Amino acid sequence: MFYAYVLFSLNKGIYYKGSTENLVVRVQQHNDGLVAFTSKYRPWKIVYYEVFSTRAEALKREKFFKSGKGREWLKNTLNNIS
């Protein structure tokens, strides 16, 4: 399985969008400071994810999350979850 995910920085209040094959390990890497971009914004909390059967699907969804329409969709979705 592959995942497209959204993290929220509890320190800075920003979002990070990514994709991975192992969600638990990847979030731990972000929180351990092993990912260059996210290391200065720790700690991170996972706020949203979707599961896919292929890496290509997860990467496509990650790319959508990073687009203007995707950011708007996430904003609406995350507001409805809260």
PDB file of N, CA and C in Angstrom:
ATOM      1  N   MET A   1       0.821  -1.186   0.000  1.00  0.00           N
ATOM      2  CA  MET A   1       0.000   0.000   0.000  1.00  0.00           C
ATOM      3  C   MET A   1       0.869   1.254   0.000  1.00  0.00           C
ATOM      4  N   PHE A   2       0.313   2.310  -0.559  1.00  0.00           N
ATOM      5  CA  PHE A   2       0.993   3.597  -0.610  1.00  0.00           C
ATOM      6  C   PHE A   2       0.049   4.665  -0.074  1.00  0.00           C
ATOM      7  N   TYR A   3       0.628   5.718   0.452  1.00  0.00           N
ATOM      8  CA  TYR A   3      -0.155   6.742   1.128  1.00  0.00           C
ATOM      9  C   TYR A   3       0.187   8.133   0.606  1.00  0.00           C
ATOM     10  N   ALA A   4      -0.828   8.973   0.478  1.00  0.00           N
ATOM     11  CA  ALA A   4      -0.647  10.411   0.314  1.00  0.00           C
ATOM     12  C   ALA A   4      -1.100  10.992   1.654  1.00  0.00           C
ATOM     13  N   TYR A   5      -0.312  11.898   2.218  1.00  0.00           N
ATOM     14  CA  TYR A   5      -0.600  12.351   3.572  1.00  0.00           C
ATOM     15  C   TYR A   5      -0.388  13.849   3.734  1.00  0.00           C
ATOM     16  N   VAL A   6      -0.976  14.375   4.805  1.00  0.00           N
ATOM     17  CA  VAL A   6      -0.822  15.777   5.168  1.00  0.00           C
ATOM     18  C   VAL A   6      -0.441  15.819   6.639  1.00  0.00           C
ATOM     19  N   LEU A   7       0.652  16.531   6.916  1.00  0.00           N
ATOM     20  CA  LEU A   7       1.104  16.732   8.288  1.00  0.00           C
ATOM     21  C   LEU A   7       0.865  18.182   8.691  1.00  0.00           C
ATOM     22  N   PHE A   8       0.705  18.399   9.990  1.00  0.00           N
ATOM     23  CA  PHE A   8       0.556  19.746  10.528  1.00  0.00           C
ATOM     24  C   PHE A   8       1.654  19.975  11.556  1.00  0.00           C
ATOM     25  N   SER A   9       2.365  21.094  11.426  1.00  0.00           N
ATOM     26  CA  SER A   9       3.425  21.430  12.372  1.00  0.00           C
ATOM     27  C   SER A   9       2.798  22.038  13.626  1.00  0.00           C
ATOM     28  N   LEU A  10       2.953  21.358  14.748  1.00  0.00           N
ATOM     29  CA  LEU A  10       2.420  21.863  16.011  1.00  0.00           C
ATOM     30  C   LEU A  10       3.201  23.082  16.495  1.00  0.00           C
ATOM     31  N   ASN A  11       4.404  23.272  15.979  1.00  0.00           N
ATOM     32  CA  ASN A  11       5.264  24.389  16.375  1.00  0.00           C
ATOM     33  C   ASN A  11       4.991  25.641  15.550  1.00  0.00           C
ATOM     34  N   LYS A  12       4.837  25.494  14.243  1.00  0.00           N
ATOM     35  CA  LYS A  12       4.728  26.652  13.350  1.00  0.00           C
ATOM     36  C   LYS A  12       3.365  26.813  12.682  1.00  0.00           C
ATOM     37  N   GLY A  13       2.496  25.817  12.796  1.00  0.00           N
ATOM     38  CA  GLY A  13       1.168  25.929  12.217  1.00  0.00           C
ATOM     39  C   GLY A  13       1.115  25.844  10.703  1.00  0.00           C
ATOM     40  N   ILE A  14       2.062  25.126  10.102  1.00  0.00           N
ATOM     41  CA  ILE A  14       2.066  24.962   8.652  1.00  0.00           C
ATOM     42  C   ILE A  14       1.755  23.505   8.301  1.00  0.00           C
ATOM     43  N   TYR A  15       1.389  23.297   7.031  1.00  0.00           N
ATOM     44  CA  TYR A  15       1.086  21.956   6.540  1.00  0.00           C
ATOM     45  C   TYR A  15       2.199  21.470   5.626  1.00  0.00           C
ATOM     46  N   TYR A  16       2.394  20.155   5.621  1.00  0.00           N
ATOM     47  CA  TYR A  16       3.335  19.505   4.718  1.00  0.00           C
ATOM     48  C   TYR A  16       2.593  18.371   4.042  1.00  0.00           C
ATOM     49  N   LYS A  17       2.729  18.257   2.729  1.00  0.00           N
ATOM     50  CA  LYS A  17       2.079  17.192   1.971  1.00  0.00           C
ATOM     51  C   LYS A  17       3.129  16.266   1.387  1.00  0.00           C
ATOM     52  N   GLY A  18       2.894  14.962   1.471  1.00  0.00           N
ATOM     53  CA  GLY A  18       3.851  14.002   0.946  1.00  0.00           C
ATOM     54  C   GLY A  18       3.197  12.685   0.593  1.00  0.00           C
ATOM     55  N   SER A  19       4.019  11.730   0.179  1.00  0.00           N
ATOM     56  CA  SER A  19       3.542  10.377  -0.106  1.00  0.00           C
ATOM     57  C   SER A  19       4.631   9.393   0.307  1.00  0.00           C
ATOM     58  N   THR A  20       4.218   8.179   0.620  1.00  0.00           N
ATOM     59  CA  THR A  20       5.154   7.178   1.131  1.00  0.00           C
ATOM     60  C   THR A  20       4.553   5.784   1.028  1.00  0.00           C
ATOM     61  N   GLU A  21       5.406   4.800   1.214  1.00  0.00           N
ATOM     62  CA  GLU A  21       4.936   3.414   1.268  1.00  0.00           C
ATOM     63  C   GLU A  21       4.671   2.979   2.706  1.00  0.00           C
ATOM     64  N   ASN A  22       5.338   3.599   3.674  1.00  0.00           N
ATOM     65  CA  ASN A  22       5.153   3.241   5.077  1.00  0.00           C
ATOM     66  C   ASN A  22       4.879   4.521   5.868  1.00  0.00           C
ATOM     67  N   LEU A  23       3.622   4.776   6.154  1.00  0.00           N
ATOM     68  CA  LEU A  23       3.210   6.028   6.776  1.00  0.00           C
ATOM     69  C   LEU A  23       3.768   6.197   8.189  1.00  0.00           C
ATOM     70  N   VAL A  24       3.731   5.154   8.987  1.00  0.00           N
ATOM     71  CA  VAL A  24       4.212   5.247  10.368  1.00  0.00           C
ATOM     72  C   VAL A  24       5.701   5.608  10.404  1.00  0.00           C
ATOM     73  N   VAL A  25       6.498   4.918   9.618  1.00  0.00           N
ATOM     74  CA  VAL A  25       7.940   5.179   9.575  1.00  0.00           C
ATOM     75  C   VAL A  25       8.214   6.580   9.045  1.00  0.00           C
ATOM     76  N   ARG A  26       7.496   6.987   8.010  1.00  0.00           N
ATOM     77  CA  ARG A  26       7.747   8.298   7.403  1.00  0.00           C
ATOM     78  C   ARG A  26       7.422   9.439   8.365  1.00  0.00           C
ATOM     79  N   VAL A  27       6.331   9.350   9.094  1.00  0.00           N
ATOM     80  CA  VAL A  27       5.994  10.392  10.074  1.00  0.00           C
ATOM     81  C   VAL A  27       7.067  10.434  11.163  1.00  0.00           C
ATOM     82  N   GLN A  28       7.547   9.279  11.573  1.00  0.00           N
ATOM     83  CA  GLN A  28       8.619   9.234  12.576  1.00  0.00           C
ATOM     84  C   GLN A  28       9.884   9.900  12.040  1.00  0.00           C
ATOM     85  N   GLN A  29      10.202   9.678  10.768  1.00  0.00           N
ATOM     86  CA  GLN A  29      11.369  10.326  10.164  1.00  0.00           C
ATOM     87  C   GLN A  29      11.216  11.847  10.185  1.00  0.00           C
ATOM     88  N   HIS A  30      10.029  12.337   9.884  1.00  0.00           N
ATOM     89  CA  HIS A  30       9.782  13.776   9.946  1.00  0.00           C
ATOM     90  C   HIS A  30      10.005  14.284  11.372  1.00  0.00           C
ATOM     91  N   ASN A  31       9.495  13.580  12.353  1.00  0.00           N
ATOM     92  CA  ASN A  31       9.613  14.017  13.749  1.00  0.00           C
ATOM     93  C   ASN A  31      11.002  13.819  14.339  1.00  0.00           C
ATOM     94  N   ASP A  32      11.781  12.933  13.753  1.00  0.00           N
ATOM     95  CA  ASP A  32      13.162  12.725  14.213  1.00  0.00           C
ATOM     96  C   ASP A  32      14.131  13.695  13.549  1.00  0.00           C
ATOM     97  N   GLY A  33      13.648  14.532  12.648  1.00  0.00           N
ATOM     98  CA  GLY A  33      14.508  15.504  11.974  1.00  0.00           C
ATOM     99  C   GLY A  33      15.308  14.924  10.823  1.00  0.00           C
ATOM    100  N   LEU A  34      14.890  13.799  10.273  1.00  0.00           N
ATOM    101  CA  LEU A  34      15.622  13.139   9.197  1.00  0.00           C
ATOM    102  C   LEU A  34      15.222  13.624   7.806  1.00  0.00           C
ATOM    103  N   VAL A  35      14.227  14.483   7.731  1.00  0.00           N
ATOM    104  CA  VAL A  35      13.789  15.064   6.458  1.00  0.00           C
ATOM    105  C   VAL A  35      14.167  16.539   6.506  1.00  0.00           C
ATOM    106  N   ALA A  36      15.050  16.958   5.602  1.00  0.00           N
ATOM    107  CA  ALA A  36      15.651  18.293   5.673  1.00  0.00           C
ATOM    108  C   ALA A  36      14.617  19.411   5.812  1.00  0.00           C
ATOM    109  N   PHE A  37      13.633  19.457   4.927  1.00  0.00           N
ATOM    110  CA  PHE A  37      12.684  20.568   4.955  1.00  0.00           C
ATOM    111  C   PHE A  37      11.884  20.621   6.246  1.00  0.00           C
ATOM    112  N   THR A  38      11.445  19.470   6.732  1.00  0.00           N
ATOM    113  CA  THR A  38      10.535  19.461   7.873  1.00  0.00           C
ATOM    114  C   THR A  38      11.238  19.493   9.225  1.00  0.00           C
ATOM    115  N   SER A  39      12.551  19.328   9.248  1.00  0.00           N
ATOM    116  CA  SER A  39      13.259  19.223  10.533  1.00  0.00           C
ATOM    117  C   SER A  39      13.115  20.471  11.397  1.00  0.00           C
ATOM    118  N   LYS A  40      13.042  21.644  10.797  1.00  0.00           N
ATOM    119  CA  LYS A  40      12.973  22.873  11.598  1.00  0.00           C
ATOM    120  C   LYS A  40      11.567  23.226  12.061  1.00  0.00           C
ATOM    121  N   TYR A  41      10.572  22.426  11.663  1.00  0.00           N
ATOM    122  CA  TYR A  41       9.187  22.718  12.020  1.00  0.00           C
ATOM    123  C   TYR A  41       8.571  21.665  12.952  1.00  0.00           C
ATOM    124  N   ARG A  42       9.395  20.827  13.542  1.00  0.00           N
ATOM    125  CA  ARG A  42       8.913  19.761  14.423  1.00  0.00           C
ATOM    126  C   ARG A  42       8.271  20.326  15.679  1.00  0.00           C
ATOM    127  N   PRO A  43       7.353  19.586  16.293  1.00  0.00           N
ATOM    128  CA  PRO A  43       6.833  18.248  15.964  1.00  0.00           C
ATOM    129  C   PRO A  43       5.699  18.315  14.934  1.00  0.00           C
ATOM    130  N   TRP A  44       5.482  17.181  14.280  1.00  0.00           N
ATOM    131  CA  TRP A  44       4.457  17.036  13.251  1.00  0.00           C
ATOM    132  C   TRP A  44       3.371  16.090  13.717  1.00  0.00           C
ATOM    133  N   LYS A  45       2.154  16.388  13.290  1.00  0.00           N
ATOM    134  CA  LYS A  45       1.000  15.534  13.584  1.00  0.00           C
ATOM    135  C   LYS A  45       0.326  15.211  12.253  1.00  0.00           C
ATOM    136  N   ILE A  46      -0.002  13.951  12.035  1.00  0.00           N
ATOM    137  CA  ILE A  46      -0.707  13.593  10.807  1.00  0.00           C
ATOM    138  C   ILE A  46      -2.166  14.009  10.960  1.00  0.00           C
ATOM    139  N   VAL A  47      -2.664  14.760   9.975  1.00  0.00           N
ATOM    140  CA  VAL A  47      -4.041  15.245  10.040  1.00  0.00           C
ATOM    141  C   VAL A  47      -4.927  14.647   8.948  1.00  0.00           C
ATOM    142  N   TYR A  48      -4.307  14.046   7.920  1.00  0.00           N
ATOM    143  CA  TYR A  48      -5.101  13.468   6.844  1.00  0.00           C
ATOM    144  C   TYR A  48      -4.232  12.517   6.031  1.00  0.00           C
ATOM    145  N   TYR A  49      -4.831  11.409   5.584  1.00  0.00           N
ATOM    146  CA  TYR A  49      -4.127  10.529   4.652  1.00  0.00           C
ATOM    147  C   TYR A  49      -5.131   9.732   3.828  1.00  0.00           C
ATOM    148  N   GLU A  50      -4.672   9.266   2.682  1.00  0.00           N
ATOM    149  CA  GLU A  50      -5.446   8.396   1.804  1.00  0.00           C
ATOM    150  C   GLU A  50      -4.565   7.226   1.404  1.00  0.00           C
ATOM    151  N   VAL A  51      -5.180   6.077   1.161  1.00  0.00           N
ATOM    152  CA  VAL A  51      -4.466   4.846   0.825  1.00  0.00           C
ATOM    153  C   VAL A  51      -4.668   4.518  -0.653  1.00  0.00           C
ATOM    154  N   PHE A  52      -3.578   4.081  -1.306  1.00  0.00           N
ATOM    155  CA  PHE A  52      -3.607   3.735  -2.728  1.00  0.00           C
ATOM    156  C   PHE A  52      -2.896   2.410  -2.953  1.00  0.00           C
ATOM    157  N   SER A  53      -3.215   1.769  -4.050  1.00  0.00           N
ATOM    158  CA  SER A  53      -2.583   0.484  -4.349  1.00  0.00           C
ATOM    159  C   SER A  53      -1.274   0.645  -5.108  1.00  0.00           C
ATOM    160  N   THR A  54      -1.027   1.814  -5.721  1.00  0.00           N
ATOM    161  CA  THR A  54       0.223   2.021  -6.447  1.00  0.00           C
ATOM    162  C   THR A  54       0.896   3.327  -6.036  1.00  0.00           C
ATOM    163  N   ARG A  55       2.195   3.366  -6.208  1.00  0.00           N
ATOM    164  CA  ARG A  55       2.978   4.575  -5.923  1.00  0.00           C
ATOM    165  C   ARG A  55       2.532   5.724  -6.838  1.00  0.00           C
ATOM    166  N   ALA A  56       2.249   5.409  -8.091  1.00  0.00           N
ATOM    167  CA  ALA A  56       1.846   6.438  -9.051  1.00  0.00           C
ATOM    168  C   ALA A  56       0.566   7.150  -8.602  1.00  0.00           C
ATOM    169  N   GLU A  57      -0.391   6.393  -8.078  1.00  0.00           N
ATOM    170  CA  GLU A  57      -1.634   6.999  -7.598  1.00  0.00           C
ATOM    171  C   GLU A  57      -1.371   7.916  -6.403  1.00  0.00           C
ATOM    172  N   ALA A  58      -0.531   7.463  -5.488  1.00  0.00           N
ATOM    173  CA  ALA A  58      -0.212   8.270  -4.304  1.00  0.00           C
ATOM    174  C   ALA A  58       0.520   9.549  -4.698  1.00  0.00           C
ATOM    175  N   LEU A  59       1.457   9.456  -5.629  1.00  0.00           N
ATOM    176  CA  LEU A  59       2.182  10.639  -6.095  1.00  0.00           C
ATOM    177  C   LEU A  59       1.248  11.621  -6.806  1.00  0.00           C
ATOM    178  N   LYS A  60       0.307  11.091  -7.561  1.00  0.00           N
ATOM    179  CA  LYS A  60      -0.666  11.948  -8.253  1.00  0.00           C
ATOM    180  C   LYS A  60      -1.515  12.706  -7.229  1.00  0.00           C
ATOM    181  N   ARG A  61      -1.924  12.026  -6.175  1.00  0.00           N
ATOM    182  CA  ARG A  61      -2.741  12.678  -5.142  1.00  0.00           C
ATOM    183  C   ARG A  61      -1.918  13.706  -4.371  1.00  0.00           C
ATOM    184  N   GLU A  62      -0.652  13.384  -4.084  1.00  0.00           N
ATOM    185  CA  GLU A  62       0.244  14.346  -3.430  1.00  0.00           C
ATOM    186  C   GLU A  62       0.360  15.613  -4.280  1.00  0.00           C
ATOM    187  N   LYS A  63       0.539  15.427  -5.571  1.00  0.00           N
ATOM    188  CA  LYS A  63       0.641  16.574  -6.479  1.00  0.00           C
ATOM    189  C   LYS A  63      -0.647  17.401  -6.447  1.00  0.00           C
ATOM    190  N   PHE A  64      -1.797  16.733  -6.394  1.00  0.00           N
ATOM    191  CA  PHE A  64      -3.066  17.449  -6.282  1.00  0.00           C
ATOM    192  C   PHE A  64      -3.119  18.259  -4.992  1.00  0.00           C
ATOM    193  N   PHE A  65      -2.722  17.660  -3.865  1.00  0.00           N
ATOM    194  CA  PHE A  65      -2.729  18.363  -2.584  1.00  0.00           C
ATOM    195  C   PHE A  65      -1.912  19.655  -2.656  1.00  0.00           C
ATOM    196  N   LYS A  66      -0.865  19.659  -3.456  1.00  0.00           N
ATOM    197  CA  LYS A  66       0.029  20.811  -3.548  1.00  0.00           C
ATOM    198  C   LYS A  66      -0.456  21.865  -4.561  1.00  0.00           C
ATOM    199  N   SER A  67      -1.499  21.547  -5.315  1.00  0.00           N
ATOM    200  CA  SER A  67      -2.035  22.493  -6.297  1.00  0.00           C
ATOM    201  C   SER A  67      -2.995  23.475  -5.618  1.00  0.00           C
ATOM    202  N   GLY A  68      -3.355  24.516  -6.329  1.00  0.00           N
ATOM    203  CA  GLY A  68      -4.301  25.482  -5.787  1.00  0.00           C
ATOM    204  C   GLY A  68      -5.639  24.853  -5.444  1.00  0.00           C
ATOM    205  N   LYS A  69      -6.171  24.049  -6.364  1.00  0.00           N
ATOM    206  CA  LYS A  69      -7.440  23.369  -6.104  1.00  0.00           C
ATOM    207  C   LYS A  69      -7.303  22.363  -4.966  1.00  0.00           C
ATOM    208  N   GLY A  70      -6.168  21.706  -4.902  1.00  0.00           N
ATOM    209  CA  GLY A  70      -5.931  20.734  -3.836  1.00  0.00           C
ATOM    210  C   GLY A  70      -5.829  21.388  -2.473  1.00  0.00           C
ATOM    211  N   ARG A  71      -5.142  22.535  -2.401  1.00  0.00           N
ATOM    212  CA  ARG A  71      -5.046  23.260  -1.122  1.00  0.00           C
ATOM    213  C   ARG A  71      -6.434  23.705  -0.657  1.00  0.00           C
ATOM    214  N   GLU A  72      -7.250  24.169  -1.590  1.00  0.00           N
ATOM    215  CA  GLU A  72      -8.623  24.581  -1.245  1.00  0.00           C
ATOM    216  C   GLU A  72      -9.440  23.377  -0.785  1.00  0.00           C
ATOM    217  N   TRP A  73      -9.318  22.249  -1.497  1.00  0.00           N
ATOM    218  CA  TRP A  73     -10.033  21.034  -1.118  1.00  0.00           C
ATOM    219  C   TRP A  73      -9.619  20.583   0.284  1.00  0.00           C
ATOM    220  N   LEU A  74      -8.304  20.597   0.557  1.00  0.00           N
ATOM    221  CA  LEU A  74      -7.818  20.199   1.880  1.00  0.00           C
ATOM    222  C   LEU A  74      -8.341  21.135   2.962  1.00  0.00           C
ATOM    223  N   LYS A  75      -8.336  22.422   2.692  1.00  0.00           N
ATOM    224  CA  LYS A  75      -8.831  23.400   3.666  1.00  0.00           C
ATOM    225  C   LYS A  75     -10.282  23.074   4.035  1.00  0.00           C
ATOM    226  N   ASN A  76     -11.116  22.857   3.032  1.00  0.00           N
ATOM    227  CA  ASN A  76     -12.516  22.524   3.286  1.00  0.00           C
ATOM    228  C   ASN A  76     -12.663  21.189   4.001  1.00  0.00           C
ATOM    229  N   THR A  77     -11.908  20.202   3.576  1.00  0.00           N
ATOM    230  CA  THR A  77     -11.975  18.871   4.178  1.00  0.00           C
ATOM    231  C   THR A  77     -11.519  18.892   5.625  1.00  0.00           C
ATOM    232  N   LEU A  78     -10.387  19.534   5.891  1.00  0.00           N
ATOM    233  CA  LEU A  78      -9.862  19.571   7.257  1.00  0.00           C
ATOM    234  C   LEU A  78     -10.757  20.379   8.184  1.00  0.00           C
ATOM    235  N   ASN A  79     -11.380  21.427   7.668  1.00  0.00           N
ATOM    236  CA  ASN A  79     -12.333  22.195   8.484  1.00  0.00           C
ATOM    237  C   ASN A  79     -13.551  21.367   8.850  1.00  0.00           C
ATOM    238  N   ASN A  80     -13.996  20.495   7.944  1.00  0.00           N
ATOM    239  CA  ASN A  80     -15.151  19.641   8.215  1.00  0.00           C
ATOM    240  C   ASN A  80     -14.815  18.510   9.167  1.00  0.00           C
ATOM    241  N   ILE A  81     -13.556  18.086   9.201  1.00  0.00           N
ATOM    242  CA  ILE A  81     -13.130  17.016  10.112  1.00  0.00           C
ATOM    243  C   ILE A  81     -13.029  17.543  11.538  1.00  0.00           C
ATOM    244  N   SER A  82     -12.542  18.765  11.672  1.00  0.00           N
ATOM    245  CA  SER A  82     -12.294  19.346  13.013  1.00  0.00           C
ATOM    246  C   SER A  82     -13.511  19.514  13.827  1.00  0.00           C
TER     247      SER A  82
END
